[in-house]
Amino acid sequence: MSNVIIPSSPADVKRIKDCIIEISNAMTLIQAQKDFIKEAVELCCEDVEIDKKHLKKMSTIYHKQNLSEILGEIEVVEALYEGVMA
């Protein structure tokens, strides 16, 4: 068993405990947002008959504002694929 050093300072113990609580609260918020995103995707895809993977991809591109980067990557992959598989 490895040696564990438990802080003896009450201030340090409180700081660690407060940090753990804040991290847990943040994890709860993250999970709630993930659940919201999943539900929003499902409802929208049912309503407008779009593939979930396309809606998710478009949402990610919109969020990151990186359409030109994605298109550039596709061009590179297309050129490599055609060069290798032709």
N, C-alpha and C. Protein backbone atom coordinates (compact mmCIF):
# COMPACT_ATOMS: atom_id res chain seq x y z
N MET A 1 0.84 -1.18 0.00
CA MET A 1 0.00 0.00 0.00
C MET A 1 0.88 1.24 0.00
N SER A 2 0.56 2.19 -0.86
CA SER A 2 1.37 3.40 -0.93
C SER A 2 1.02 4.34 0.21
N ASN A 3 1.96 5.19 0.50
CA ASN A 3 1.73 6.16 1.57
C ASN A 3 0.85 7.29 1.07
N VAL A 4 -0.16 7.57 1.83
CA VAL A 4 -1.08 8.65 1.49
C VAL A 4 -0.88 9.76 2.50
N ILE A 5 -0.67 10.95 1.99
CA ILE A 5 -0.50 12.10 2.88
C ILE A 5 -1.82 12.87 2.91
N ILE A 6 -2.45 12.85 4.05
CA ILE A 6 -3.71 13.57 4.22
C ILE A 6 -3.38 14.94 4.79
N PRO A 7 -3.84 15.99 4.13
CA PRO A 7 -3.54 17.33 4.65
C PRO A 7 -4.00 17.48 6.09
N SER A 8 -3.15 18.09 6.89
CA SER A 8 -3.50 18.29 8.31
C SER A 8 -4.12 19.65 8.56
N SER A 9 -3.90 20.55 7.64
CA SER A 9 -4.45 21.90 7.80
C SER A 9 -5.95 21.90 7.51
N PRO A 10 -6.76 22.37 8.43
CA PRO A 10 -8.21 22.46 8.17
C PRO A 10 -8.52 23.30 6.93
N ALA A 11 -7.73 24.31 6.68
CA ALA A 11 -7.95 25.16 5.50
C ALA A 11 -7.71 24.37 4.21
N ASP A 12 -6.67 23.53 4.20
CA ASP A 12 -6.38 22.70 3.02
C ASP A 12 -7.48 21.65 2.81
N VAL A 13 -7.91 21.03 3.89
CA VAL A 13 -8.99 20.04 3.81
C VAL A 13 -10.25 20.69 3.26
N LYS A 14 -10.59 21.89 3.76
CA LYS A 14 -11.77 22.60 3.28
C LYS A 14 -11.62 22.95 1.81
N ARG A 15 -10.43 23.39 1.42
CA ARG A 15 -10.17 23.76 0.00
C ARG A 15 -10.38 22.55 -0.90
N ILE A 16 -9.88 21.40 -0.51
CA ILE A 16 -10.03 20.17 -1.30
C ILE A 16 -11.50 19.78 -1.38
N LYS A 17 -12.17 19.78 -0.24
CA LYS A 17 -13.58 19.40 -0.21
C LYS A 17 -14.42 20.35 -1.06
N ASP A 18 -14.18 21.65 -0.96
CA ASP A 18 -14.92 22.63 -1.77
C ASP A 18 -14.66 22.43 -3.25
N CYS A 19 -13.42 22.11 -3.59
CA CYS A 19 -13.07 21.87 -5.00
C CYS A 19 -13.81 20.65 -5.53
N ILE A 20 -13.85 19.58 -4.75
CA ILE A 20 -14.56 18.37 -5.16
C ILE A 20 -16.04 18.65 -5.37
N ILE A 21 -16.63 19.42 -4.48
CA ILE A 21 -18.05 19.76 -4.61
C ILE A 21 -18.30 20.58 -5.87
N GLU A 22 -17.44 21.56 -6.14
CA GLU A 22 -17.59 22.38 -7.35
C GLU A 22 -17.43 21.55 -8.62
N ILE A 23 -16.48 20.64 -8.62
CA ILE A 23 -16.29 19.76 -9.78
C ILE A 23 -17.52 18.88 -9.98
N SER A 24 -18.05 18.34 -8.90
CA SER A 24 -19.26 17.52 -8.99
C SER A 24 -20.43 18.33 -9.54
N ASN A 25 -20.58 19.56 -9.08
CA ASN A 25 -21.64 20.43 -9.60
C ASN A 25 -21.47 20.68 -11.10
N ALA A 26 -20.24 20.91 -11.51
CA ALA A 26 -19.97 21.14 -12.94
C ALA A 26 -20.29 19.88 -13.75
N MET A 27 -19.94 18.71 -13.21
CA MET A 27 -20.24 17.45 -13.90
C MET A 27 -21.75 17.25 -14.05
N THR A 28 -22.49 17.65 -13.04
CA THR A 28 -23.96 17.56 -13.11
C THR A 28 -24.49 18.46 -14.22
N LEU A 29 -23.97 19.68 -14.32
CA LEU A 29 -24.40 20.60 -15.38
C LEU A 29 -24.03 20.06 -16.76
N ILE A 30 -22.84 19.50 -16.88
CA ILE A 30 -22.41 18.94 -18.17
C ILE A 30 -23.34 17.81 -18.59
N GLN A 31 -23.67 16.93 -17.67
CA GLN A 31 -24.56 15.81 -18.00
C GLN A 31 -25.94 16.32 -18.40
N ALA A 32 -26.43 17.33 -17.72
CA ALA A 32 -27.74 17.90 -18.07
C ALA A 32 -27.70 18.48 -19.48
N GLN A 33 -26.63 19.15 -19.85
CA GLN A 33 -26.50 19.72 -21.19
C GLN A 33 -26.39 18.62 -22.24
N LYS A 34 -25.66 17.55 -21.93
CA LYS A 34 -25.57 16.42 -22.86
C LYS A 34 -26.95 15.79 -23.08
N ASP A 35 -27.70 15.66 -22.00
CA ASP A 35 -29.06 15.11 -22.12
C ASP A 35 -29.94 16.01 -22.97
N PHE A 36 -29.82 17.33 -22.77
CA PHE A 36 -30.60 18.28 -23.57
C PHE A 36 -30.25 18.17 -25.05
N ILE A 37 -28.96 18.11 -25.35
CA ILE A 37 -28.52 18.01 -26.75
C ILE A 37 -29.07 16.75 -27.39
N LYS A 38 -28.98 15.63 -26.68
CA LYS A 38 -29.48 14.36 -27.22
C LYS A 38 -30.98 14.46 -27.52
N GLU A 39 -31.74 15.02 -26.59
CA GLU A 39 -33.18 15.15 -26.78
C GLU A 39 -33.50 16.12 -27.92
N ALA A 40 -32.79 17.23 -27.99
CA ALA A 40 -33.02 18.21 -29.06
C ALA A 40 -32.76 17.59 -30.42
N VAL A 41 -31.68 16.82 -30.53
CA VAL A 41 -31.35 16.15 -31.79
C VAL A 41 -32.46 15.18 -32.17
N GLU A 42 -32.87 14.36 -31.23
CA GLU A 42 -33.90 13.37 -31.52
C GLU A 42 -35.21 14.02 -31.96
N LEU A 43 -35.63 15.05 -31.25
CA LEU A 43 -36.90 15.71 -31.60
C LEU A 43 -36.82 16.39 -32.96
N CYS A 44 -35.74 17.09 -33.22
CA CYS A 44 -35.61 17.78 -34.50
C CYS A 44 -35.56 16.78 -35.65
N CYS A 45 -34.79 15.72 -35.47
CA CYS A 45 -34.66 14.72 -36.54
C CYS A 45 -35.98 14.03 -36.82
N GLU A 46 -36.78 13.80 -35.79
CA GLU A 46 -38.11 13.22 -36.00
C GLU A 46 -39.01 14.19 -36.75
N ASP A 47 -38.94 15.46 -36.39
CA ASP A 47 -39.83 16.47 -36.99
C ASP A 47 -39.51 16.75 -38.45
N VAL A 48 -38.25 16.81 -38.79
CA VAL A 48 -37.88 17.22 -40.15
C VAL A 48 -37.24 16.11 -40.98
N GLU A 49 -37.18 14.92 -40.43
CA GLU A 49 -36.65 13.75 -41.13
C GLU A 49 -35.25 13.99 -41.70
N ILE A 50 -34.36 14.41 -40.81
CA ILE A 50 -32.95 14.55 -41.18
C ILE A 50 -32.16 13.51 -40.37
N ASP A 51 -31.09 13.02 -40.93
CA ASP A 51 -30.25 12.03 -40.26
C ASP A 51 -29.56 12.68 -39.05
N LYS A 52 -29.57 11.98 -37.93
CA LYS A 52 -28.98 12.50 -36.69
C LYS A 52 -27.51 12.87 -36.87
N LYS A 53 -26.77 12.02 -37.59
CA LYS A 53 -25.34 12.29 -37.73
C LYS A 53 -25.10 13.58 -38.51
N HIS A 54 -25.99 13.90 -39.45
CA HIS A 54 -25.82 15.14 -40.21
C HIS A 54 -26.15 16.35 -39.35
N LEU A 55 -27.21 16.26 -38.56
CA LEU A 55 -27.57 17.37 -37.68
C LEU A 55 -26.47 17.61 -36.64
N LYS A 56 -25.95 16.53 -36.08
CA LYS A 56 -24.87 16.66 -35.09
C LYS A 56 -23.63 17.28 -35.72
N LYS A 57 -23.28 16.83 -36.92
CA LYS A 57 -22.09 17.35 -37.60
C LYS A 57 -22.26 18.83 -37.93
N MET A 58 -23.44 19.20 -38.43
CA MET A 58 -23.69 20.60 -38.75
C MET A 58 -23.64 21.46 -37.48
N SER A 59 -24.17 20.93 -36.39
CA SER A 59 -24.15 21.67 -35.12
C SER A 59 -22.73 21.89 -34.64
N THR A 60 -21.90 20.87 -34.77
CA THR A 60 -20.50 20.98 -34.36
C THR A 60 -19.77 22.00 -35.22
N ILE A 61 -19.99 21.93 -36.52
CA ILE A 61 -19.35 22.89 -37.44
C ILE A 61 -19.81 24.31 -37.11
N TYR A 62 -21.09 24.48 -36.87
CA TYR A 62 -21.61 25.81 -36.52
C TYR A 62 -20.97 26.29 -35.22
N HIS A 63 -20.90 25.42 -34.24
CA HIS A 63 -20.34 25.80 -32.94
C HIS A 63 -18.87 26.20 -33.07
N LYS A 64 -18.10 25.41 -33.80
CA LYS A 64 -16.68 25.68 -33.95
C LYS A 64 -16.37 26.72 -35.03
N GLN A 65 -17.39 27.01 -35.86
CA GLN A 65 -17.21 27.94 -36.97
C GLN A 65 -15.99 27.55 -37.82
N ASN A 66 -15.97 26.27 -38.24
CA ASN A 66 -14.80 25.76 -38.96
C ASN A 66 -15.16 25.05 -40.27
N LEU A 67 -16.18 25.54 -40.96
CA LEU A 67 -16.59 24.89 -42.21
C LEU A 67 -15.45 24.87 -43.22
N SER A 68 -14.72 25.98 -43.38
CA SER A 68 -13.64 26.00 -44.37
C SER A 68 -12.54 24.98 -44.02
N GLU A 69 -12.28 24.79 -42.74
CA GLU A 69 -11.29 23.79 -42.32
C GLU A 69 -11.78 22.38 -42.66
N ILE A 70 -13.04 22.11 -42.41
CA ILE A 70 -13.62 20.79 -42.71
C ILE A 70 -13.57 20.53 -44.21
N LEU A 71 -13.93 21.53 -45.00
CA LEU A 71 -13.91 21.37 -46.45
C LEU A 71 -12.49 21.12 -46.96
N GLY A 72 -11.51 21.79 -46.37
CA GLY A 72 -10.11 21.57 -46.75
C GLY A 72 -9.67 20.16 -46.43
N GLU A 73 -10.08 19.66 -45.26
CA GLU A 73 -9.73 18.29 -44.89
C GLU A 73 -10.36 17.29 -45.85
N ILE A 74 -11.59 17.55 -46.25
CA ILE A 74 -12.27 16.65 -47.18
C ILE A 74 -11.54 16.62 -48.52
N GLU A 75 -11.07 17.78 -48.99
CA GLU A 75 -10.33 17.83 -50.25
C GLU A 75 -9.06 16.99 -50.17
N VAL A 76 -8.37 17.09 -49.05
CA VAL A 76 -7.13 16.31 -48.86
C VAL A 76 -7.44 14.82 -48.85
N VAL A 77 -8.45 14.43 -48.10
CA VAL A 77 -8.82 13.01 -48.03
C VAL A 77 -9.27 12.51 -49.40
N GLU A 78 -10.03 13.32 -50.11
CA GLU A 78 -10.49 12.93 -51.44
C GLU A 78 -9.30 12.71 -52.37
N ALA A 79 -8.34 13.63 -52.37
CA ALA A 79 -7.17 13.50 -53.23
C ALA A 79 -6.35 12.26 -52.86
N LEU A 80 -6.17 12.04 -51.54
CA LEU A 80 -5.42 10.85 -51.13
C LEU A 80 -6.15 9.57 -51.51
N TYR A 81 -7.45 9.55 -51.30
CA TYR A 81 -8.24 8.37 -51.63
C TYR A 81 -8.17 8.06 -53.12
N GLU A 82 -8.35 9.09 -53.94
CA GLU A 82 -8.30 8.88 -55.38
C GLU A 82 -6.90 8.44 -55.81
N GLY A 83 -5.87 8.98 -55.18
CA GLY A 83 -4.50 8.60 -55.53
C GLY A 83 -4.17 7.18 -55.13
N VAL A 84 -4.70 6.74 -54.02
CA VAL A 84 -4.39 5.41 -53.50
C VAL A 84 -5.31 4.34 -54.12
N MET A 85 -6.57 4.64 -54.22
CA MET A 85 -7.55 3.64 -54.59
C MET A 85 -7.84 3.58 -56.10
N ALA A 86 -7.27 4.48 -56.85
CA ALA A 86 -7.55 4.51 -58.30
C ALA A 86 -6.91 3.37 -59.03
